[in-house]
């Protein structure tokens, strides 16, 4: 079922999700817990319209230990703001 009732041309041509993080995107990193990556991708595809990147990365925490994190980036900085405010998967971080 189509949630937005409009077909997104980026989905049709398969160019909405990037495999490699572009330099011009705005990013956020969150600690990896369980299978968070797949549920975040599903939420983005259902609720946002622009191009995005979701992938695993290595980050340093406050104690300078290496942790695995999910790096999430959006081409439009407005979508990053909306994602931070509305995504229900982030409230448990």
N, C-alpha and C. Protein backbone atom coordinates (compact mmCIF):
# COMPACT_ATOMS: atom_id res chain seq x y z
N UNK A 1 0.84 -1.18 0.00
CA UNK A 1 0.00 0.00 0.00
C UNK A 1 0.88 1.24 0.00
N UNK A 2 0.56 2.21 -0.80
CA UNK A 2 1.33 3.44 -0.88
C UNK A 2 0.87 4.38 0.22
N UNK A 3 1.78 4.76 1.07
CA UNK A 3 1.43 5.59 2.21
C UNK A 3 1.21 7.05 1.81
N UNK A 4 2.07 7.60 0.97
CA UNK A 4 1.98 9.00 0.58
C UNK A 4 1.09 9.23 -0.64
N UNK A 5 0.66 8.17 -1.30
CA UNK A 5 -0.19 8.21 -2.48
C UNK A 5 0.46 8.88 -3.67
N UNK A 6 1.74 9.21 -3.59
CA UNK A 6 2.48 9.75 -4.72
C UNK A 6 3.71 8.89 -4.94
N UNK A 7 3.97 8.57 -6.17
CA UNK A 7 5.13 7.76 -6.49
C UNK A 7 6.36 8.65 -6.48
N UNK A 8 7.41 8.22 -5.78
CA UNK A 8 8.65 8.97 -5.71
C UNK A 8 9.54 8.52 -6.87
N UNK A 9 9.90 9.42 -7.80
CA UNK A 9 10.74 9.02 -8.94
C UNK A 9 12.11 8.49 -8.52
N UNK A 10 12.63 8.94 -7.38
CA UNK A 10 13.92 8.44 -6.91
C UNK A 10 13.84 6.95 -6.56
N UNK A 11 12.70 6.51 -6.04
CA UNK A 11 12.51 5.08 -5.75
C UNK A 11 12.37 4.28 -7.03
N UNK A 12 11.66 4.82 -8.00
CA UNK A 12 11.42 4.11 -9.25
C UNK A 12 12.74 3.82 -9.97
N UNK A 13 13.64 4.79 -9.99
CA UNK A 13 14.92 4.61 -10.67
C UNK A 13 16.01 4.02 -9.79
N UNK A 14 15.71 3.77 -8.51
CA UNK A 14 16.67 3.14 -7.61
C UNK A 14 17.85 4.01 -7.22
N UNK A 15 17.63 5.33 -7.15
CA UNK A 15 18.73 6.24 -6.83
C UNK A 15 18.49 7.02 -5.54
N UNK A 16 17.60 6.55 -4.71
CA UNK A 16 17.28 7.28 -3.48
C UNK A 16 18.27 6.99 -2.36
N UNK A 17 18.63 5.74 -2.18
CA UNK A 17 19.55 5.35 -1.10
C UNK A 17 20.95 5.18 -1.67
N UNK A 18 21.91 5.85 -1.03
CA UNK A 18 23.31 5.77 -1.44
C UNK A 18 24.01 4.62 -0.71
N UNK A 19 24.95 3.98 -1.38
CA UNK A 19 25.76 2.91 -0.78
C UNK A 19 27.01 3.48 -0.10
N UNK A 20 27.48 4.64 -0.56
CA UNK A 20 28.68 5.30 -0.04
C UNK A 20 28.27 6.69 0.45
N UNK A 21 28.77 7.14 1.60
CA UNK A 21 28.35 8.45 2.11
C UNK A 21 28.92 9.63 1.31
N UNK A 22 28.07 10.41 0.65
CA UNK A 22 28.54 11.58 -0.08
C UNK A 22 29.00 12.69 0.87
N UNK A 23 29.91 13.51 0.41
CA UNK A 23 30.48 14.56 1.27
C UNK A 23 29.51 15.70 1.53
N UNK A 24 28.56 15.94 0.63
CA UNK A 24 27.67 17.09 0.78
C UNK A 24 26.43 16.81 1.63
N UNK A 25 26.29 15.61 2.18
CA UNK A 25 25.14 15.28 3.03
C UNK A 25 25.36 15.79 4.44
N UNK A 26 24.26 15.96 5.19
CA UNK A 26 24.29 16.27 6.62
C UNK A 26 24.12 14.95 7.36
N UNK A 27 24.96 14.70 8.39
CA UNK A 27 25.00 13.39 9.04
C UNK A 27 24.72 13.47 10.54
N UNK A 28 24.26 12.32 11.05
CA UNK A 28 24.14 12.07 12.47
C UNK A 28 24.60 10.63 12.69
N UNK A 29 25.26 10.38 13.82
CA UNK A 29 25.69 9.03 14.17
C UNK A 29 25.04 8.64 15.49
N UNK A 30 24.51 7.42 15.53
CA UNK A 30 23.91 6.91 16.76
C UNK A 30 24.49 5.53 17.05
N UNK A 31 24.63 5.17 18.33
CA UNK A 31 25.18 3.85 18.66
C UNK A 31 24.31 2.72 18.11
N UNK A 32 24.95 1.68 17.63
CA UNK A 32 24.24 0.55 17.04
C UNK A 32 23.71 -0.35 18.14
N UNK A 33 22.40 -0.58 18.12
CA UNK A 33 21.76 -1.50 19.06
C UNK A 33 20.82 -2.39 18.27
N UNK A 34 20.93 -3.70 18.51
CA UNK A 34 20.08 -4.69 17.87
C UNK A 34 20.12 -4.56 16.36
N UNK A 35 18.97 -4.59 15.71
CA UNK A 35 18.90 -4.45 14.25
C UNK A 35 18.27 -3.11 13.92
N UNK A 36 18.84 -2.07 14.45
CA UNK A 36 18.31 -0.71 14.31
C UNK A 36 18.41 -0.21 12.88
N UNK A 37 19.40 -0.63 12.16
CA UNK A 37 19.66 -0.12 10.81
C UNK A 37 18.48 -0.39 9.86
N UNK A 38 17.95 -1.60 9.86
CA UNK A 38 16.85 -1.94 8.97
C UNK A 38 15.57 -1.19 9.31
N UNK A 39 15.28 -1.03 10.58
CA UNK A 39 14.06 -0.32 10.97
C UNK A 39 14.16 1.17 10.66
N UNK A 40 15.35 1.75 10.75
CA UNK A 40 15.53 3.15 10.40
C UNK A 40 15.36 3.35 8.89
N UNK A 41 15.91 2.45 8.09
CA UNK A 41 15.75 2.54 6.64
C UNK A 41 14.27 2.46 6.27
N UNK A 42 13.54 1.55 6.87
CA UNK A 42 12.10 1.42 6.60
C UNK A 42 11.36 2.68 6.97
N UNK A 43 11.68 3.29 8.13
CA UNK A 43 11.01 4.51 8.57
C UNK A 43 11.30 5.66 7.60
N UNK A 44 12.54 5.79 7.16
CA UNK A 44 12.91 6.86 6.22
C UNK A 44 12.17 6.68 4.90
N UNK A 45 12.12 5.46 4.38
CA UNK A 45 11.44 5.22 3.12
C UNK A 45 9.95 5.52 3.20
N UNK A 46 9.34 5.28 4.35
CA UNK A 46 7.90 5.51 4.52
C UNK A 46 7.55 6.97 4.79
N UNK A 47 8.45 7.74 5.41
CA UNK A 47 8.08 9.06 5.91
C UNK A 47 8.80 10.24 5.26
N UNK A 48 9.87 10.01 4.54
CA UNK A 48 10.62 11.10 3.92
C UNK A 48 10.69 10.90 2.41
N UNK A 49 11.07 11.95 1.67
CA UNK A 49 11.05 11.88 0.22
C UNK A 49 12.41 12.01 -0.45
N UNK A 50 13.40 12.57 0.22
CA UNK A 50 14.69 12.86 -0.40
C UNK A 50 15.66 11.70 -0.38
N UNK A 51 16.87 11.97 -0.89
CA UNK A 51 17.93 10.97 -0.93
C UNK A 51 18.61 10.88 0.43
N UNK A 52 19.10 9.67 0.77
CA UNK A 52 19.67 9.44 2.09
C UNK A 52 20.75 8.37 2.04
N UNK A 53 21.50 8.30 3.13
CA UNK A 53 22.52 7.26 3.33
C UNK A 53 22.35 6.70 4.74
N UNK A 54 22.39 5.38 4.86
CA UNK A 54 22.40 4.71 6.16
C UNK A 54 23.45 3.61 6.07
N UNK A 55 24.41 3.64 7.00
CA UNK A 55 25.46 2.63 7.00
C UNK A 55 26.17 2.56 8.34
N UNK A 56 26.89 1.49 8.54
CA UNK A 56 27.65 1.31 9.78
C UNK A 56 28.98 2.04 9.69
N UNK A 57 29.44 2.55 10.83
CA UNK A 57 30.74 3.21 10.88
C UNK A 57 31.35 3.00 12.26
N UNK A 58 32.62 3.30 12.38
CA UNK A 58 33.30 3.23 13.66
C UNK A 58 33.46 4.64 14.21
N UNK A 59 33.13 4.83 15.47
CA UNK A 59 33.16 6.14 16.11
C UNK A 59 33.89 6.03 17.45
N UNK A 60 34.29 7.15 17.99
CA UNK A 60 34.86 7.21 19.33
C UNK A 60 33.80 7.72 20.29
N UNK A 61 33.64 7.04 21.44
CA UNK A 61 32.70 7.54 22.44
C UNK A 61 33.40 8.52 23.37
N UNK A 62 32.74 8.93 24.43
CA UNK A 62 33.29 9.94 25.34
C UNK A 62 34.54 9.48 26.06
N UNK A 63 34.67 8.17 26.27
CA UNK A 63 35.84 7.63 26.96
C UNK A 63 36.94 7.23 25.98
N UNK A 64 36.81 7.62 24.72
CA UNK A 64 37.79 7.33 23.65
C UNK A 64 37.88 5.85 23.32
N UNK A 65 36.76 5.13 23.47
CA UNK A 65 36.68 3.74 23.06
C UNK A 65 36.02 3.68 21.69
N UNK A 66 36.44 2.73 20.89
CA UNK A 66 35.86 2.57 19.56
C UNK A 66 34.55 1.80 19.68
N UNK A 67 33.48 2.35 19.10
CA UNK A 67 32.18 1.69 19.10
C UNK A 67 31.65 1.64 17.66
N UNK A 68 30.75 0.70 17.42
CA UNK A 68 30.09 0.63 16.13
C UNK A 68 28.85 1.51 16.19
N UNK A 69 28.67 2.34 15.17
CA UNK A 69 27.54 3.27 15.13
C UNK A 69 26.86 3.19 13.77
N UNK A 70 25.65 3.70 13.74
CA UNK A 70 24.92 3.83 12.48
C UNK A 70 25.04 5.28 12.04
N UNK A 71 25.57 5.48 10.85
CA UNK A 71 25.72 6.83 10.29
C UNK A 71 24.56 7.07 9.34
N UNK A 72 23.80 8.14 9.62
CA UNK A 72 22.61 8.45 8.85
C UNK A 72 22.79 9.84 8.25
N UNK A 73 22.62 9.95 6.95
CA UNK A 73 22.80 11.23 6.28
C UNK A 73 21.69 11.54 5.31
N UNK A 74 21.42 12.83 5.16
CA UNK A 74 20.38 13.29 4.25
C UNK A 74 20.92 14.40 3.37
N UNK A 75 20.45 14.45 2.14
CA UNK A 75 20.85 15.50 1.22
C UNK A 75 20.23 16.83 1.64
N UNK A 76 19.01 16.79 2.11
CA UNK A 76 18.31 18.00 2.55
C UNK A 76 18.40 18.10 4.07
N UNK A 77 18.96 19.18 4.58
CA UNK A 77 19.15 19.32 6.03
C UNK A 77 17.81 19.39 6.76
N UNK A 78 16.73 19.78 6.08
CA UNK A 78 15.41 19.80 6.71
C UNK A 78 14.94 18.39 7.05
N UNK A 79 15.28 17.44 6.21
CA UNK A 79 14.90 16.06 6.48
C UNK A 79 15.67 15.49 7.66
N UNK A 80 16.91 15.91 7.85
CA UNK A 80 17.67 15.49 9.03
C UNK A 80 17.01 16.02 10.30
N UNK A 81 16.57 17.26 10.28
CA UNK A 81 15.89 17.84 11.44
C UNK A 81 14.59 17.11 11.73
N UNK A 82 13.81 16.84 10.69
CA UNK A 82 12.56 16.11 10.88
C UNK A 82 12.82 14.70 11.40
N UNK A 83 13.84 14.05 10.88
CA UNK A 83 14.21 12.71 11.33
C UNK A 83 14.55 12.72 12.83
N UNK A 84 15.34 13.70 13.26
CA UNK A 84 15.71 13.80 14.68
C UNK A 84 14.50 14.00 15.57
N UNK A 85 13.53 14.75 15.11
CA UNK A 85 12.34 15.04 15.91
C UNK A 85 11.29 13.95 15.88
N UNK A 86 11.10 13.30 14.74
CA UNK A 86 9.95 12.43 14.56
C UNK A 86 10.23 10.94 14.58
N UNK A 87 11.45 10.51 14.38
CA UNK A 87 11.71 9.07 14.30
C UNK A 87 11.54 8.42 15.67
N UNK A 88 10.63 7.46 15.78
CA UNK A 88 10.39 6.83 17.08
C UNK A 88 11.53 5.91 17.54
N UNK A 89 12.42 5.53 16.64
CA UNK A 89 13.54 4.65 17.00
C UNK A 89 14.62 5.40 17.78
N UNK A 90 14.63 6.71 17.73
CA UNK A 90 15.67 7.51 18.41
C UNK A 90 15.33 7.82 19.84
N UNK A 91 14.09 7.65 20.26
CA UNK A 91 13.72 8.02 21.61
C UNK A 91 14.31 7.09 22.66
N UNK A 92 14.81 5.94 22.25
CA UNK A 92 15.41 4.99 23.19
C UNK A 92 16.93 5.13 23.27
N UNK A 93 17.51 6.11 22.61
CA UNK A 93 18.97 6.30 22.61
C UNK A 93 19.43 6.99 23.86
